[in-house]
Amino acid sequence: MPKKPADVPEGMRRVYGRFARWRKLPTGRLPIPDSRWASAAELAREHGVFRTAKVLRPEYGKLKRLAALSKEVARKKERGAAPPPAFLELLTPAAGTSRMPDRGGRATRLDSHDFVL
C-alpha cells in the first residue's frame, strides 16, 4: 500500500481516495461495492491489473476478471456505436413480394402493393 498520496499515480488518486474512505468506515468486513469494482476495473484497463491491484489492494483475481470483461464491453460499444439510420429506402420490384431479414434474422415478407410509391 502506498504510504503517501504522492506514491499514487495521478489517474488513480480519485479512486484510491474512494477506496481509502470506504475502508475507514466502521462497517466491518463487508464486500467491496460494485461501483468501486467497476472503477477499479476501468483503472486496470488503463494502468494494468498488477499496478492497480498494488495501489487499491482489491482481490487480484476478481480485478483481473472484471478488467477483461470491461475490455469486451468496451469493444462491443465501439462496434455498435453507429446510430441506427434515420431513413431506410427499400427498393422493391414493381409488383410482387420481397423478403427482408429482421433483427432476429427471420425473414419478413414485403408486398409491394402495400406501399404508396
PDB file of N, CA and C in Angstrom:
ATOM      1  N   MET A   1       0.845  -1.186   0.000  1.00  0.00           N
ATOM      2  CA  MET A   1       0.000   0.000   0.000  1.00  0.00           C
ATOM      3  C   MET A   1       0.883   1.239   0.000  1.00  0.00           C
ATOM      4  N   PRO A   2       0.635   2.188  -0.857  1.00  0.00           N
ATOM      5  CA  PRO A   2       1.399   3.421  -0.835  1.00  0.00           C
ATOM      6  C   PRO A   2       1.160   4.174   0.464  1.00  0.00           C
ATOM      7  N   LYS A   3       2.241   4.658   1.055  1.00  0.00           N
ATOM      8  CA  LYS A   3       2.134   5.362   2.329  1.00  0.00           C
ATOM      9  C   LYS A   3       1.659   6.800   2.138  1.00  0.00           C
ATOM     10  N   LYS A   4       2.028   7.425   1.031  1.00  0.00           N
ATOM     11  CA  LYS A   4       1.690   8.826   0.794  1.00  0.00           C
ATOM     12  C   LYS A   4       0.851   8.937  -0.468  1.00  0.00           C
ATOM     13  N   PRO A   5      -0.036   9.910  -0.533  1.00  0.00           N
ATOM     14  CA  PRO A   5      -0.795  10.109  -1.772  1.00  0.00           C
ATOM     15  C   PRO A   5       0.115  10.415  -2.957  1.00  0.00           C
ATOM     16  N   ALA A   6       1.334  10.907  -2.716  1.00  0.00           N
ATOM     17  CA  ALA A   6       2.258  11.198  -3.811  1.00  0.00           C
ATOM     18  C   ALA A   6       2.711   9.914  -4.501  1.00  0.00           C
ATOM     19  N   ASP A   7       2.638   8.759  -3.806  1.00  0.00           N
ATOM     20  CA  ASP A   7       3.019   7.475  -4.396  1.00  0.00           C
ATOM     21  C   ASP A   7       1.949   6.936  -5.337  1.00  0.00           C
ATOM     22  N   VAL A   8       0.760   7.481  -5.261  1.00  0.00           N
ATOM     23  CA  VAL A   8      -0.362   7.018  -6.095  1.00  0.00           C
ATOM     24  C   VAL A   8      -0.302   7.756  -7.429  1.00  0.00           C
ATOM     25  N   PRO A   9      -0.339   7.019  -8.556  1.00  0.00           N
ATOM     26  CA  PRO A   9      -0.333   7.687  -9.868  1.00  0.00           C
ATOM     27  C   PRO A   9      -1.493   8.673  -9.999  1.00  0.00           C
ATOM     28  N   GLU A  10      -1.271   9.696 -10.781  1.00  0.00           N
ATOM     29  CA  GLU A  10      -2.243  10.786 -10.928  1.00  0.00           C
ATOM     30  C   GLU A  10      -3.626  10.298 -11.328  1.00  0.00           C
ATOM     31  N   GLY A  11      -3.710   9.367 -12.262  1.00  0.00           N
ATOM     32  CA  GLY A  11      -5.002   8.887 -12.742  1.00  0.00           C
ATOM     33  C   GLY A  11      -5.755   8.026 -11.743  1.00  0.00           C
ATOM     34  N   MET A  12      -5.088   7.572 -10.685  1.00  0.00           N
ATOM     35  CA  MET A  12      -5.716   6.674  -9.705  1.00  0.00           C
ATOM     36  C   MET A  12      -6.107   7.376  -8.408  1.00  0.00           C
ATOM     37  N   ARG A  13      -5.753   8.611  -8.254  1.00  0.00           N
ATOM     38  CA  ARG A  13      -5.938   9.278  -6.947  1.00  0.00           C
ATOM     39  C   ARG A  13      -7.389   9.353  -6.507  1.00  0.00           C
ATOM     40  N   ARG A  14      -8.282   9.680  -7.421  1.00  0.00           N
ATOM     41  CA  ARG A  14      -9.695   9.805  -7.042  1.00  0.00           C
ATOM     42  C   ARG A  14     -10.246   8.461  -6.547  1.00  0.00           C
ATOM     43  N   VAL A  15      -9.976   7.394  -7.299  1.00  0.00           N
ATOM     44  CA  VAL A  15     -10.485   6.071  -6.927  1.00  0.00           C
ATOM     45  C   VAL A  15      -9.771   5.569  -5.675  1.00  0.00           C
ATOM     46  N   TYR A  16      -8.483   5.857  -5.551  1.00  0.00           N
ATOM     47  CA  TYR A  16      -7.735   5.485  -4.347  1.00  0.00           C
ATOM     48  C   TYR A  16      -8.364   6.130  -3.109  1.00  0.00           C
ATOM     49  N   GLY A  17      -8.746   7.405  -3.238  1.00  0.00           N
ATOM     50  CA  GLY A  17      -9.404   8.103  -2.130  1.00  0.00           C
ATOM     51  C   GLY A  17     -10.735   7.470  -1.771  1.00  0.00           C
ATOM     52  N   ARG A  18     -11.496   7.065  -2.786  1.00  0.00           N
ATOM     53  CA  ARG A  18     -12.785   6.408  -2.524  1.00  0.00           C
ATOM     54  C   ARG A  18     -12.580   5.085  -1.791  1.00  0.00           C
ATOM     55  N   PHE A  19     -11.573   4.302  -2.232  1.00  0.00           N
ATOM     56  CA  PHE A  19     -11.275   3.033  -1.546  1.00  0.00           C
ATOM     57  C   PHE A  19     -10.815   3.293  -0.114  1.00  0.00           C
ATOM     58  N   ALA A  20      -9.961   4.294   0.086  1.00  0.00           N
ATOM     59  CA  ALA A  20      -9.445   4.603   1.426  1.00  0.00           C
ATOM     60  C   ALA A  20     -10.583   5.021   2.357  1.00  0.00           C
ATOM     61  N   ARG A  21     -11.481   5.874   1.885  1.00  0.00           N
ATOM     62  CA  ARG A  21     -12.621   6.293   2.716  1.00  0.00           C
ATOM     63  C   ARG A  21     -13.526   5.107   3.037  1.00  0.00           C
ATOM     64  N   TRP A  22     -13.763   4.226   2.051  1.00  0.00           N
ATOM     65  CA  TRP A  22     -14.614   3.068   2.277  1.00  0.00           C
ATOM     66  C   TRP A  22     -13.996   2.137   3.315  1.00  0.00           C
ATOM     67  N   ARG A  23     -12.687   1.957   3.258  1.00  0.00           N
ATOM     68  CA  ARG A  23     -12.023   1.074   4.219  1.00  0.00           C
ATOM     69  C   ARG A  23     -12.039   1.628   5.641  1.00  0.00           C
ATOM     70  N   LYS A  24     -12.137   2.933   5.787  1.00  0.00           N
ATOM     71  CA  LYS A  24     -12.156   3.549   7.114  1.00  0.00           C
ATOM     72  C   LYS A  24     -13.538   3.484   7.768  1.00  0.00           C
ATOM     73  N   LEU A  25     -14.564   3.152   6.998  1.00  0.00           N
ATOM     74  CA  LEU A  25     -15.915   3.076   7.563  1.00  0.00           C
ATOM     75  C   LEU A  25     -15.994   1.946   8.586  1.00  0.00           C
ATOM     76  N   PRO A  26     -16.734   2.140   9.653  1.00  0.00           N
ATOM     77  CA  PRO A  26     -16.822   1.107  10.701  1.00  0.00           C
ATOM     78  C   PRO A  26     -17.860   0.032  10.391  1.00  0.00           C
ATOM     79  N   THR A  27     -17.916  -0.439   9.171  1.00  0.00           N
ATOM     80  CA  THR A  27     -18.950  -1.403   8.797  1.00  0.00           C
ATOM     81  C   THR A  27     -18.462  -2.841   8.871  1.00  0.00           C
ATOM     82  N   GLY A  28     -17.269  -3.056   9.333  1.00  0.00           N
ATOM     83  CA  GLY A  28     -16.761  -4.423   9.406  1.00  0.00           C
ATOM     84  C   GLY A  28     -16.152  -4.841   8.090  1.00  0.00           C
ATOM     85  N   ARG A  29     -16.219  -6.104   7.793  1.00  0.00           N
ATOM     86  CA  ARG A  29     -15.584  -6.626   6.586  1.00  0.00           C
ATOM     87  C   ARG A  29     -16.624  -6.931   5.511  1.00  0.00           C
ATOM     88  N   LEU A  30     -17.320  -5.906   5.088  1.00  0.00           N
ATOM     89  CA  LEU A  30     -18.292  -6.059   4.013  1.00  0.00           C
ATOM     90  C   LEU A  30     -17.572  -6.181   2.669  1.00  0.00           C
ATOM     91  N   PRO A  31     -18.186  -6.820   1.688  1.00  0.00           N
ATOM     92  CA  PRO A  31     -17.567  -6.900   0.361  1.00  0.00           C
ATOM     93  C   PRO A  31     -17.438  -5.511  -0.266  1.00  0.00           C
ATOM     94  N   ILE A  32     -16.477  -5.380  -1.162  1.00  0.00           N
ATOM     95  CA  ILE A  32     -16.284  -4.116  -1.872  1.00  0.00           C
ATOM     96  C   ILE A  32     -17.512  -3.871  -2.751  1.00  0.00           C
ATOM     97  N   PRO A  33     -18.085  -2.661  -2.692  1.00  0.00           N
ATOM     98  CA  PRO A  33     -19.276  -2.364  -3.509  1.00  0.00           C
ATOM     99  C   PRO A  33     -18.989  -2.465  -5.012  1.00  0.00           C
ATOM    100  N   ASP A  34     -20.022  -2.781  -5.770  1.00  0.00           N
ATOM    101  CA  ASP A  34     -19.889  -2.952  -7.222  1.00  0.00           C
ATOM    102  C   ASP A  34     -19.387  -1.688  -7.916  1.00  0.00           C
ATOM    103  N   SER A  35     -19.806  -0.525  -7.432  1.00  0.00           N
ATOM    104  CA  SER A  35     -19.360   0.721  -8.071  1.00  0.00           C
ATOM    105  C   SER A  35     -17.846   0.884  -7.945  1.00  0.00           C
ATOM    106  N   ARG A  36     -17.285   0.465  -6.804  1.00  0.00           N
ATOM    107  CA  ARG A  36     -15.832   0.547  -6.614  1.00  0.00           C
ATOM    108  C   ARG A  36     -15.112  -0.479  -7.502  1.00  0.00           C
ATOM    109  N   TRP A  37     -15.707  -1.669  -7.646  1.00  0.00           N
ATOM    110  CA  TRP A  37     -15.119  -2.679  -8.531  1.00  0.00           C
ATOM    111  C   TRP A  37     -15.097  -2.164  -9.968  1.00  0.00           C
ATOM    112  N   ALA A  38     -16.177  -1.517 -10.381  1.00  0.00           N
ATOM    113  CA  ALA A  38     -16.250  -1.010 -11.754  1.00  0.00           C
ATOM    114  C   ALA A  38     -15.175   0.039 -12.003  1.00  0.00           C
ATOM    115  N   SER A  39     -14.987   0.956 -11.050  1.00  0.00           N
ATOM    116  CA  SER A  39     -13.942   1.963 -11.242  1.00  0.00           C
ATOM    117  C   SER A  39     -12.558   1.346 -11.202  1.00  0.00           C
ATOM    118  N   ALA A  40     -12.355   0.329 -10.359  1.00  0.00           N
ATOM    119  CA  ALA A  40     -11.060  -0.354 -10.303  1.00  0.00           C
ATOM    120  C   ALA A  40     -10.783  -1.092 -11.608  1.00  0.00           C
ATOM    121  N   ALA A  41     -11.810  -1.691 -12.207  1.00  0.00           N
ATOM    122  CA  ALA A  41     -11.636  -2.398 -13.477  1.00  0.00           C
ATOM    123  C   ALA A  41     -11.265  -1.428 -14.597  1.00  0.00           C
ATOM    124  N   GLU A  42     -11.879  -0.252 -14.603  1.00  0.00           N
ATOM    125  CA  GLU A  42     -11.515   0.759 -15.596  1.00  0.00           C
ATOM    126  C   GLU A  42     -10.058   1.175 -15.440  1.00  0.00           C
ATOM    127  N   LEU A  43      -9.635   1.379 -14.191  1.00  0.00           N
ATOM    128  CA  LEU A  43      -8.237   1.737 -13.946  1.00  0.00           C
ATOM    129  C   LEU A  43      -7.295   0.615 -14.371  1.00  0.00           C
ATOM    130  N   ALA A  44      -7.698  -0.626 -14.138  1.00  0.00           N
ATOM    131  CA  ALA A  44      -6.863  -1.768 -14.515  1.00  0.00           C
ATOM    132  C   ALA A  44      -6.701  -1.840 -16.024  1.00  0.00           C
ATOM    133  N   ARG A  45      -7.725  -1.489 -16.760  1.00  0.00           N
ATOM    134  CA  ARG A  45      -7.598  -1.448 -18.216  1.00  0.00           C
ATOM    135  C   ARG A  45      -6.611  -0.378 -18.640  1.00  0.00           C
ATOM    136  N   GLU A  46      -6.603   0.716 -17.925  1.00  0.00           N
ATOM    137  CA  GLU A  46      -5.763   1.858 -18.290  1.00  0.00           C
ATOM    138  C   GLU A  46      -4.314   1.704 -17.794  1.00  0.00           C
ATOM    139  N   HIS A  47      -4.152   1.283 -16.534  1.00  0.00           N
ATOM    140  CA  HIS A  47      -2.828   1.248 -15.904  1.00  0.00           C
ATOM    141  C   HIS A  47      -2.254  -0.155 -15.737  1.00  0.00           C
ATOM    142  N   GLY A  48      -3.043  -1.173 -16.001  1.00  0.00           N
ATOM    143  CA  GLY A  48      -2.601  -2.543 -15.799  1.00  0.00           C
ATOM    144  C   GLY A  48      -3.159  -3.114 -14.504  1.00  0.00           C
ATOM    145  N   VAL A  49      -3.415  -4.417 -14.509  1.00  0.00           N
ATOM    146  CA  VAL A  49      -4.040  -5.067 -13.360  1.00  0.00           C
ATOM    147  C   VAL A  49      -3.104  -5.078 -12.162  1.00  0.00           C
ATOM    148  N   PHE A  50      -1.832  -5.427 -12.365  1.00  0.00           N
ATOM    149  CA  PHE A  50      -0.913  -5.531 -11.238  1.00  0.00           C
ATOM    150  C   PHE A  50      -0.741  -4.196 -10.526  1.00  0.00           C
ATOM    151  N   ARG A  51      -0.494  -3.142 -11.311  1.00  0.00           N
ATOM    152  CA  ARG A  51      -0.270  -1.821 -10.701  1.00  0.00           C
ATOM    153  C   ARG A  51      -1.521  -1.328  -9.962  1.00  0.00           C
ATOM    154  N   THR A  52      -2.680  -1.541 -10.565  1.00  0.00           N
ATOM    155  CA  THR A  52      -3.936  -1.126  -9.925  1.00  0.00           C
ATOM    156  C   THR A  52      -4.174  -1.919  -8.641  1.00  0.00           C
ATOM    157  N   ALA A  53      -3.919  -3.226  -8.691  1.00  0.00           N
ATOM    158  CA  ALA A  53      -4.125  -4.061  -7.507  1.00  0.00           C
ATOM    159  C   ALA A  53      -3.149  -3.685  -6.397  1.00  0.00           C
ATOM    160  N   LYS A  54      -1.952  -3.301  -6.769  1.00  0.00           N
ATOM    161  CA  LYS A  54      -0.957  -2.914  -5.762  1.00  0.00           C
ATOM    162  C   LYS A  54      -1.369  -1.625  -5.050  1.00  0.00           C
ATOM    163  N   VAL A  55      -1.933  -0.689  -5.793  1.00  0.00           N
ATOM    164  CA  VAL A  55      -2.324   0.592  -5.198  1.00  0.00           C
ATOM    165  C   VAL A  55      -3.649   0.476  -4.432  1.00  0.00           C
ATOM    166  N   LEU A  56      -4.662  -0.136  -5.047  1.00  0.00           N
ATOM    167  CA  LEU A  56      -6.001  -0.163  -4.437  1.00  0.00           C
ATOM    168  C   LEU A  56      -6.215  -1.329  -3.476  1.00  0.00           C
ATOM    169  N   ARG A  57      -5.435  -2.384  -3.607  1.00  0.00           N
ATOM    170  CA  ARG A  57      -5.498  -3.585  -2.769  1.00  0.00           C
ATOM    171  C   ARG A  57      -6.839  -4.331  -2.804  1.00  0.00           C
ATOM    172  N   PRO A  58      -7.437  -4.501  -3.976  1.00  0.00           N
ATOM    173  CA  PRO A  58      -8.611  -5.379  -4.045  1.00  0.00           C
ATOM    174  C   PRO A  58      -8.139  -6.812  -4.280  1.00  0.00           C
ATOM    175  N   GLU A  59      -9.067  -7.743  -4.402  1.00  0.00           N
ATOM    176  CA  GLU A  59      -8.718  -9.122  -4.725  1.00  0.00           C
ATOM    177  C   GLU A  59      -8.227  -9.165  -6.177  1.00  0.00           C
ATOM    178  N   TYR A  60      -6.991  -9.621  -6.383  1.00  0.00           N
ATOM    179  CA  TYR A  60      -6.337  -9.570  -7.688  1.00  0.00           C
ATOM    180  C   TYR A  60      -7.092 -10.369  -8.752  1.00  0.00           C
ATOM    181  N   GLY A  61      -7.493 -11.579  -8.427  1.00  0.00           N
ATOM    182  CA  GLY A  61      -8.160 -12.441  -9.411  1.00  0.00           C
ATOM    183  C   GLY A  61      -9.465 -11.840  -9.910  1.00  0.00           C
ATOM    184  N   LYS A  62     -10.248 -11.301  -9.001  1.00  0.00           N
ATOM    185  CA  LYS A  62     -11.521 -10.696  -9.401  1.00  0.00           C
ATOM    186  C   LYS A  62     -11.278  -9.434 -10.226  1.00  0.00           C
ATOM    187  N   LEU A  63     -10.266  -8.653  -9.844  1.00  0.00           N
ATOM    188  CA  LEU A  63      -9.948  -7.449 -10.610  1.00  0.00           C
ATOM    189  C   LEU A  63      -9.522  -7.815 -12.028  1.00  0.00           C
ATOM    190  N   LYS A  64      -8.715  -8.852 -12.160  1.00  0.00           N
ATOM    191  CA  LYS A  64      -8.262  -9.293 -13.474  1.00  0.00           C
ATOM    192  C   LYS A  64      -9.446  -9.743 -14.332  1.00  0.00           C
ATOM    193  N   ARG A  65     -10.373 -10.493 -13.737  1.00  0.00           N
ATOM    194  CA  ARG A  65     -11.547 -10.980 -14.450  1.00  0.00           C
ATOM    195  C   ARG A  65     -12.447  -9.808 -14.885  1.00  0.00           C
ATOM    196  N   LEU A  66     -12.670  -8.846 -13.982  1.00  0.00           N
ATOM    197  CA  LEU A  66     -13.529  -7.705 -14.308  1.00  0.00           C
ATOM    198  C   LEU A  66     -12.886  -6.801 -15.352  1.00  0.00           C
ATOM    199  N   ALA A  67     -11.568  -6.657 -15.307  1.00  0.00           N
ATOM    200  CA  ALA A  67     -10.880  -5.835 -16.308  1.00  0.00           C
ATOM    201  C   ALA A  67     -11.022  -6.474 -17.687  1.00  0.00           C
ATOM    202  N   ALA A  68     -10.921  -7.795 -17.761  1.00  0.00           N
ATOM    203  CA  ALA A  68     -11.090  -8.495 -19.044  1.00  0.00           C
ATOM    204  C   ALA A  68     -12.521  -8.336 -19.547  1.00  0.00           C
ATOM    205  N   LEU A  69     -13.497  -8.435 -18.646  1.00  0.00           N
ATOM    206  CA  LEU A  69     -14.900  -8.264 -19.044  1.00  0.00           C
ATOM    207  C   LEU A  69     -15.158  -6.840 -19.539  1.00  0.00           C
ATOM    208  N   SER A  70     -14.581  -5.855 -18.850  1.00  0.00           N
ATOM    209  CA  SER A  70     -14.824  -4.472 -19.248  1.00  0.00           C
ATOM    210  C   SER A  70     -14.172  -4.178 -20.597  1.00  0.00           C
ATOM    211  N   LYS A  71     -13.084  -4.883 -20.948  1.00  0.00           N
ATOM    212  CA  LYS A  71     -12.487  -4.723 -22.281  1.00  0.00           C
ATOM    213  C   LYS A  71     -13.447  -5.227 -23.343  1.00  0.00           C
ATOM    214  N   GLU A  72     -14.086  -6.372 -23.078  1.00  0.00           N
ATOM    215  CA  GLU A  72     -15.048  -6.920 -24.037  1.00  0.00           C
ATOM    216  C   GLU A  72     -16.229  -5.981 -24.214  1.00  0.00           C
ATOM    217  N   VAL A  73     -16.717  -5.421 -23.125  1.00  0.00           N
ATOM    218  CA  VAL A  73     -17.848  -4.495 -23.194  1.00  0.00           C
ATOM    219  C   VAL A  73     -17.459  -3.251 -23.979  1.00  0.00           C
ATOM    220  N   ALA A  74     -16.246  -2.747 -23.753  1.00  0.00           N
ATOM    221  CA  ALA A  74     -15.783  -1.564 -24.478  1.00  0.00           C
ATOM    222  C   ALA A  74     -15.678  -1.845 -25.967  1.00  0.00           C
ATOM    223  N   ARG A  75     -15.195  -3.036 -26.329  1.00  0.00           N
ATOM    224  CA  ARG A  75     -15.102  -3.396 -27.751  1.00  0.00           C
ATOM    225  C   ARG A  75     -16.490  -3.465 -28.375  1.00  0.00           C
ATOM    226  N   LYS A  76     -17.444  -4.046 -27.650  1.00  0.00           N
ATOM    227  CA  LYS A  76     -18.804  -4.146 -28.187  1.00  0.00           C
ATOM    228  C   LYS A  76     -19.418  -2.764 -28.373  1.00  0.00           C
ATOM    229  N   LYS A  77     -19.138  -1.849 -27.436  1.00  0.00           N
ATOM    230  CA  LYS A  77     -19.668  -0.489 -27.562  1.00  0.00           C
ATOM    231  C   LYS A  77     -19.064   0.213 -28.764  1.00  0.00           C
ATOM    232  N   GLU A  78     -17.760  -0.001 -29.010  1.00  0.00           N
ATOM    233  CA  GLU A  78     -17.110   0.622 -30.155  1.00  0.00           C
ATOM    234  C   GLU A  78     -17.702   0.100 -31.462  1.00  0.00           C
ATOM    235  N   ARG A  79     -17.951  -1.192 -31.519  1.00  0.00           N
ATOM    236  CA  ARG A  79     -18.519  -1.783 -32.734  1.00  0.00           C
ATOM    237  C   ARG A  79     -19.945  -1.305 -32.975  1.00  0.00           C
ATOM    238  N   GLY A  80     -20.736  -1.249 -31.931  1.00  0.00           N
ATOM    239  CA  GLY A  80     -22.145  -0.881 -32.052  1.00  0.00           C
ATOM    240  C   GLY A  80     -22.387   0.596 -31.836  1.00  0.00           C
ATOM    241  N   ALA A  81     -21.380   1.419 -31.999  1.00  0.00           N
ATOM    242  CA  ALA A  81     -21.508   2.837 -31.691  1.00  0.00           C
ATOM    243  C   ALA A  81     -22.273   3.614 -32.760  1.00  0.00           C
ATOM    244  N   ALA A  82     -22.387   3.082 -33.962  1.00  0.00           N
ATOM    245  CA  ALA A  82     -23.071   3.803 -35.030  1.00  0.00           C
ATOM    246  C   ALA A  82     -24.570   3.878 -34.725  1.00  0.00           C
ATOM    247  N   PRO A  83     -25.147   5.060 -34.835  1.00  0.00           N
ATOM    248  CA  PRO A  83     -26.590   5.180 -34.581  1.00  0.00           C
ATOM    249  C   PRO A  83     -27.376   4.523 -35.709  1.00  0.00           C
ATOM    250  N   PRO A  84     -28.584   4.102 -35.431  1.00  0.00           N
ATOM    251  CA  PRO A  84     -29.402   3.497 -36.484  1.00  0.00           C
ATOM    252  C   PRO A  84     -29.719   4.539 -37.555  1.00  0.00           C
ATOM    253  N   PRO A  85     -29.908   4.112 -38.782  1.00  0.00           N
ATOM    254  CA  PRO A  85     -30.194   5.082 -39.847  1.00  0.00           C
ATOM    255  C   PRO A  85     -31.527   5.780 -39.602  1.00  0.00           C
ATOM    256  N   ALA A  86     -31.580   7.055 -39.959  1.00  0.00           N
ATOM    257  CA  ALA A  86     -32.812   7.824 -39.787  1.00  0.00           C
ATOM    258  C   ALA A  86     -33.803   7.528 -40.913  1.00  0.00           C
ATOM    259  N   PHE A  87     -33.271   7.106 -42.057  1.00  0.00           N
ATOM    260  CA  PHE A  87     -34.123   6.844 -43.204  1.00  0.00           C
ATOM    261  C   PHE A  87     -33.624   5.579 -43.888  1.00  0.00           C
ATOM    262  N   LEU A  88     -34.536   4.719 -44.284  1.00  0.00           N
ATOM    263  CA  LEU A  88     -34.180   3.484 -44.976  1.00  0.00           C
ATOM    264  C   LEU A  88     -35.031   3.386 -46.235  1.00  0.00           C
ATOM    265  N   GLU A  89     -34.382   3.386 -47.388  1.00  0.00           N
ATOM    266  CA  GLU A  89     -35.097   3.293 -48.653  1.00  0.00           C
ATOM    267  C   GLU A  89     -35.112   1.841 -49.092  1.00  0.00           C
ATOM    268  N   LEU A  90     -36.294   1.320 -49.364  1.00  0.00           N
ATOM    269  CA  LEU A  90     -36.450  -0.051 -49.828  1.00  0.00           C
ATOM    270  C   LEU A  90     -36.744  -0.036 -51.316  1.00  0.00           C
ATOM    271  N   LEU A  91     -35.873  -0.656 -52.066  1.00  0.00           N
ATOM    272  CA  LEU A  91     -36.088  -0.759 -53.498  1.00  0.00           C
ATOM    273  C   LEU A  91     -36.651  -2.146 -53.780  1.00  0.00           C
ATOM    274  N   THR A  92     -37.879  -2.197 -54.213  1.00  0.00           N
ATOM    275  CA  THR A  92     -38.538  -3.474 -54.486  1.00  0.00           C
ATOM    276  C   THR A  92     -38.950  -3.524 -55.941  1.00  0.00           C
ATOM    277  N   PRO A  93     -39.198  -4.712 -56.437  1.00  0.00           N
ATOM    278  CA  PRO A  93     -39.703  -4.813 -57.816  1.00  0.00           C
ATOM    279  C   PRO A  93     -41.036  -4.079 -57.945  1.00  0.00           C
ATOM    280  N   ALA A  94     -41.390  -3.756 -59.164  1.00  0.00           N
ATOM    281  CA  ALA A  94     -42.632  -3.003 -59.407  1.00  0.00           C
ATOM    282  C   ALA A  94     -43.850  -3.721 -58.861  1.00  0.00           C
ATOM    283  N   ALA A  95     -43.885  -5.020 -58.954  1.00  0.00           N
ATOM    284  CA  ALA A  95     -45.017  -5.772 -58.424  1.00  0.00           C
ATOM    285  C   ALA A  95     -44.484  -7.072 -57.844  1.00  0.00           C
ATOM    286  N   GLY A  96     -45.150  -7.591 -56.833  1.00  0.00           N
ATOM    287  CA  GLY A  96     -44.736  -8.852 -56.252  1.00  0.00           C
ATOM    288  C   GLY A  96     -44.338  -8.710 -54.788  1.00  0.00           C
ATOM    289  N   THR A  97     -43.615  -9.697 -54.312  1.00  0.00           N
ATOM    290  CA  THR A  97     -43.220  -9.707 -52.907  1.00  0.00           C
ATOM    291  C   THR A  97     -41.704  -9.789 -52.797  1.00  0.00           C
ATOM    292  N   SER A  98     -41.198  -9.308 -51.698  1.00  0.00           N
ATOM    293  CA  SER A  98     -39.766  -9.375 -51.384  1.00  0.00           C
ATOM    294  C   SER A  98     -39.617  -9.900 -49.971  1.00  0.00           C
ATOM    295  N   ARG A  99     -38.469 -10.447 -49.682  1.00  0.00           N
ATOM    296  CA  ARG A  99     -38.177 -10.913 -48.327  1.00  0.00           C
ATOM    297  C   ARG A  99     -36.976 -10.141 -47.800  1.00  0.00           C
ATOM    298  N   MET A 100     -37.083  -9.721 -46.529  1.00  0.00           N
ATOM    299  CA  MET A 100     -36.010  -8.965 -45.908  1.00  0.00           C
ATOM    300  C   MET A 100     -35.816  -9.500 -44.490  1.00  0.00           C
ATOM    301  N   PRO A 101     -34.570  -9.776 -44.063  1.00  0.00           N
ATOM    302  CA  PRO A 101     -34.374 -10.268 -42.696  1.00  0.00           C
ATOM    303  C   PRO A 101     -34.591  -9.153 -41.671  1.00  0.00           C
ATOM    304  N   ASP A 102     -35.210  -9.502 -40.555  1.00  0.00           N
ATOM    305  CA  ASP A 102     -35.371  -8.532 -39.481  1.00  0.00           C
ATOM    306  C   ASP A 102     -34.207  -8.676 -38.510  1.00  0.00           C
ATOM    307  N   ARG A 103     -34.245  -7.974 -37.386  1.00  0.00           N
ATOM    308  CA  ARG A 103     -33.133  -8.001 -36.425  1.00  0.00           C
ATOM    309  C   ARG A 103     -32.867  -9.386 -35.860  1.00  0.00           C
ATOM    310  N   GLY A 104     -33.862 -10.196 -35.758  1.00  0.00           N
ATOM    311  CA  GLY A 104     -33.699 -11.536 -35.221  1.00  0.00           C
ATOM    312  C   GLY A 104     -33.226 -12.535 -36.261  1.00  0.00           C
ATOM    313  N   GLY A 105     -33.062 -12.099 -37.517  1.00  0.00           N
ATOM    314  CA  GLY A 105     -32.609 -12.987 -38.571  1.00  0.00           C
ATOM    315  C   GLY A 105     -33.738 -13.697 -39.296  1.00  0.00           C
ATOM    316  N   ARG A 106     -34.988 -13.489 -38.863  1.00  0.00           N
ATOM    317  CA  ARG A 106     -36.131 -14.120 -39.517  1.00  0.00           C
ATOM    318  C   ARG A 106     -36.496 -13.326 -40.767  1.00  0.00           C
ATOM    319  N   ALA A 107     -37.005 -14.001 -41.758  1.00  0.00           N
ATOM    320  CA  ALA A 107     -37.385 -13.330 -42.996  1.00  0.00           C
ATOM    321  C   ALA A 107     -38.734 -12.649 -42.816  1.00  0.00           C
ATOM    322  N   THR A 108     -38.826 -11.432 -43.297  1.00  0.00           N
ATOM    323  CA  THR A 108     -40.070 -10.680 -43.267  1.00  0.00           C
ATOM    324  C   THR A 108     -40.519 -10.475 -44.712  1.00  0.00           C
ATOM    325  N   ARG A 109     -41.776 -10.771 -44.981  1.00  0.00           N
ATOM    326  CA  ARG A 109     -42.295 -10.656 -46.342  1.00  0.00           C
ATOM    327  C   ARG A 109     -42.869  -9.262 -46.557  1.00  0.00           C
ATOM    328  N   LEU A 110     -42.469  -8.635 -47.654  1.00  0.00           N
ATOM    329  CA  LEU A 110     -42.961  -7.306 -48.000  1.00  0.00           C
ATOM    330  C   LEU A 110     -43.714  -7.402 -49.321  1.00  0.00           C
ATOM    331  N   ASP A 111     -44.966  -6.983 -49.316  1.00  0.00           N
ATOM    332  CA  ASP A 111     -45.759  -6.952 -50.551  1.00  0.00           C
ATOM    333  C   ASP A 111     -45.673  -5.537 -51.112  1.00  0.00           C
ATOM    334  N   SER A 112     -45.270  -5.421 -52.384  1.00  0.00           N
ATOM    335  CA  SER A 112     -45.082  -4.093 -52.964  1.00  0.00           C
ATOM    336  C   SER A 112     -46.401  -3.343 -53.149  1.00  0.00           C
ATOM    337  N   HIS A 113     -47.534  -4.045 -53.207  1.00  0.00           N
ATOM    338  CA  HIS A 113     -48.814  -3.344 -53.373  1.00  0.00           C
ATOM    339  C   HIS A 113     -49.242  -2.667 -52.056  1.00  0.00           C
ATOM    340  N   ASP A 114     -48.546  -2.965 -50.931  1.00  0.00           N
ATOM    341  CA  ASP A 114     -48.863  -2.321 -49.664  1.00  0.00           C
ATOM    342  C   ASP A 114     -48.234  -0.928 -49.527  1.00  0.00           C
ATOM    343  N   PHE A 115     -47.296  -0.604 -50.400  1.00  0.00           N
ATOM    344  CA  PHE A 115     -46.575   0.670 -50.306  1.00  0.00           C
ATOM    345  C   PHE A 115     -47.140   1.673 -51.275  1.00  0.00           C
ATOM    346  N   VAL A 116     -47.133   2.917 -50.859  1.00  0.00           N
ATOM    347  CA  VAL A 116     -47.508   4.012 -51.748  1.00  0.00           C
ATOM    348  C   VAL A 116     -46.216   4.537 -52.342  1.00  0.00           C
ATOM    349  N   LEU A 117     -46.083   4.452 -53.653  1.00  0.00           N
ATOM    350  CA  LEU A 117     -44.836   4.879 -54.303  1.00  0.00           C
ATOM    351  C   LEU A 117     -45.027   6.189 -55.029  1.00  0.00           C
TER     352      LEU A 117
END
